[in-house]
């Protein structure tokens, strides 16, 4: 499975319901599993972002669909990045001249 790092910020709606953030994260993890992926971990942050999620999904389309579905709920805005394992990066750089 492919790995993804998602940086999360609360929207105005999300911060007003901050007391439910753990419950929402658990529900998101269950939804990820139902879509064929899994959360490796969720952490709440100090600084410019409110949360970070490390997750796996079978492909980019599934990860994008999931991020869009979460964003449509209106509580968070996400920035998702594809992450490459050491083994994946080794294969990638083998193709360099």
Protein backbone atom coordinates (compact mmCIF):
# COMPACT_ATOMS: atom_id res chain seq x y z
CA UNK A 1 0.00 0.00 0.00
CA UNK A 2 1.06 3.58 -0.57
CA UNK A 3 1.77 5.90 2.37
CA UNK A 4 0.39 9.42 2.81
CA UNK A 5 1.08 12.28 5.21
CA UNK A 6 -1.86 14.62 5.75
CA UNK A 7 -1.50 17.97 7.48
CA UNK A 8 -4.80 19.21 8.89
CA UNK A 9 -6.18 22.56 9.96
CA UNK A 10 -9.51 23.10 11.67
CA UNK A 11 -12.04 25.24 9.83
CA UNK A 12 -14.17 27.71 11.83
CA UNK A 13 -16.79 24.97 12.10
CA UNK A 14 -14.19 22.44 13.24
CA UNK A 15 -12.70 24.63 15.95
CA UNK A 16 -16.16 25.38 17.33
CA UNK A 17 -16.59 21.62 17.73
CA UNK A 18 -13.01 20.96 18.91
CA UNK A 19 -14.26 18.84 21.81
CA UNK A 20 -15.32 16.24 19.21
CA UNK A 21 -11.96 16.08 17.41
CA UNK A 22 -10.93 12.70 18.86
CA UNK A 23 -14.32 11.23 18.02
CA UNK A 24 -14.06 12.59 14.46
CA UNK A 25 -10.54 11.16 14.08
CA UNK A 26 -11.75 7.72 15.20
CA UNK A 27 -14.64 7.88 12.73
CA UNK A 28 -12.21 8.91 9.96
CA UNK A 29 -9.96 5.96 10.79
CA UNK A 30 -12.94 3.61 10.50
CA UNK A 31 -13.91 5.18 7.18
CA UNK A 32 -10.34 4.74 5.91
CA UNK A 33 -10.48 1.05 6.78
CA UNK A 34 -13.83 0.69 5.02
CA UNK A 35 -12.22 2.25 1.92
CA UNK A 36 -9.37 -0.27 2.02
CA UNK A 37 -6.78 1.86 3.80
CA UNK A 38 -5.65 2.38 7.36
CA UNK A 39 -4.45 5.11 9.69
CA UNK A 40 -0.97 4.45 11.03
CA UNK A 41 -1.38 7.30 13.49
CA UNK A 42 -3.03 10.60 14.31
CA UNK A 43 -1.32 13.36 16.31
CA UNK A 44 -2.56 16.77 17.40
CA UNK A 45 -0.01 19.54 16.98
CA UNK A 46 1.13 22.89 18.26
CA UNK A 47 2.13 25.34 15.55
CA UNK A 48 0.77 26.11 12.09
CA UNK A 49 -1.13 22.81 11.77
CA UNK A 50 -3.69 21.30 14.14
CA UNK A 51 -3.25 17.61 13.31
CA UNK A 52 -1.17 15.20 11.27
CA UNK A 53 -2.30 11.83 9.99
CA UNK A 54 -0.01 9.14 8.62
CA UNK A 55 -2.06 6.66 6.59
CA UNK A 56 -1.90 4.00 3.94
CA UNK A 57 -4.22 3.56 0.97
CA UNK A 58 -4.20 1.15 -1.94
CA UNK A 59 -3.71 3.96 -4.49
CA UNK A 60 -3.74 7.72 -5.06
CA UNK A 61 -7.35 7.72 -6.21
CA UNK A 62 -8.55 6.13 -2.96
CA UNK A 63 -6.47 8.53 -0.87
CA UNK A 64 -7.79 11.54 -2.80
CA UNK A 65 -11.41 10.37 -2.58
CA UNK A 66 -11.01 9.90 1.16
CA UNK A 67 -9.44 13.35 1.66
CA UNK A 68 -12.24 14.97 -0.36
CA UNK A 69 -14.92 13.14 1.63
CA UNK A 70 -13.37 14.28 4.93
CA UNK A 71 -13.08 17.86 3.66
CA UNK A 72 -16.71 17.88 2.54
CA UNK A 73 -17.80 17.45 6.17
CA UNK A 74 -16.59 21.01 6.77
CA UNK A 75 -14.50 20.52 9.93
CA UNK A 76 -11.00 20.49 8.45
CA UNK A 77 -8.88 21.48 5.50
CA UNK A 78 -6.22 19.01 4.44
CA UNK A 79 -2.88 18.99 2.66
CA UNK A 80 -1.99 15.45 1.64
CA UNK A 81 1.41 14.33 0.40
CA UNK A 82 2.42 10.96 -0.99
CA UNK A 83 5.29 9.49 1.05
CA UNK A 84 7.81 6.97 -0.25
CA UNK A 85 9.37 4.21 1.83
CA UNK A 86 13.07 3.47 1.75
CA UNK A 87 12.44 0.52 -0.57
CA UNK A 88 10.29 2.60 -2.93
CA UNK A 89 12.88 5.39 -3.04
CA UNK A 90 15.61 2.86 -3.76
CA UNK A 91 13.67 1.65 -6.83
CA UNK A 92 13.05 5.25 -7.92
CA UNK A 93 16.70 6.32 -7.77
CA UNK A 94 17.89 3.16 -9.52
CA UNK A 95 16.38 4.62 -12.68
CA UNK A 96 18.47 7.79 -12.51
CA UNK A 97 21.29 8.29 -15.02
